Amino acid sequence: MKQFVLVYLGGNQPSSPEEASQHFEKYMGWLKSLGDSVVIPTIPLKDTNTVSSDGTVREGGSSAMSGFSILKAESIEAALAIAQDCPFLEIGGSLEVSEMMEMPAQ
């Protein structure tokens, strides 16, 4: 089975702790419904820094990436169908879905 990365972009912060709790429960229910398809559940990102080709470092990044998940699916179409059901889309976020390539063993 192929592996896919779902990259979380943007999204609006909940307006209250209650809204955050409801969204979190819905999101966790979605992840649970995926069963063994979940290789790595959501990994949120923070404190992004950018290292340039000349070695300089600056705070922040050039993308709105806020996290990622890794899932197994039979095809890109199946992975896209999984992504279309993700509750993250309900808070104004978007998802990029990419097939992960296997690197040759060294």
Foldseek 3Di string as FASTA:
>chain_A
DFKKKKWKFDFDDDPDPVRVVVLVVVQVVLVVVLPPFWPFPKDFDDFDWDQDPVGDIDTDDDGRTGIMTMGDDPDVVRVVVSLVPHSRVVRVMHIDMDIDDDDDDD
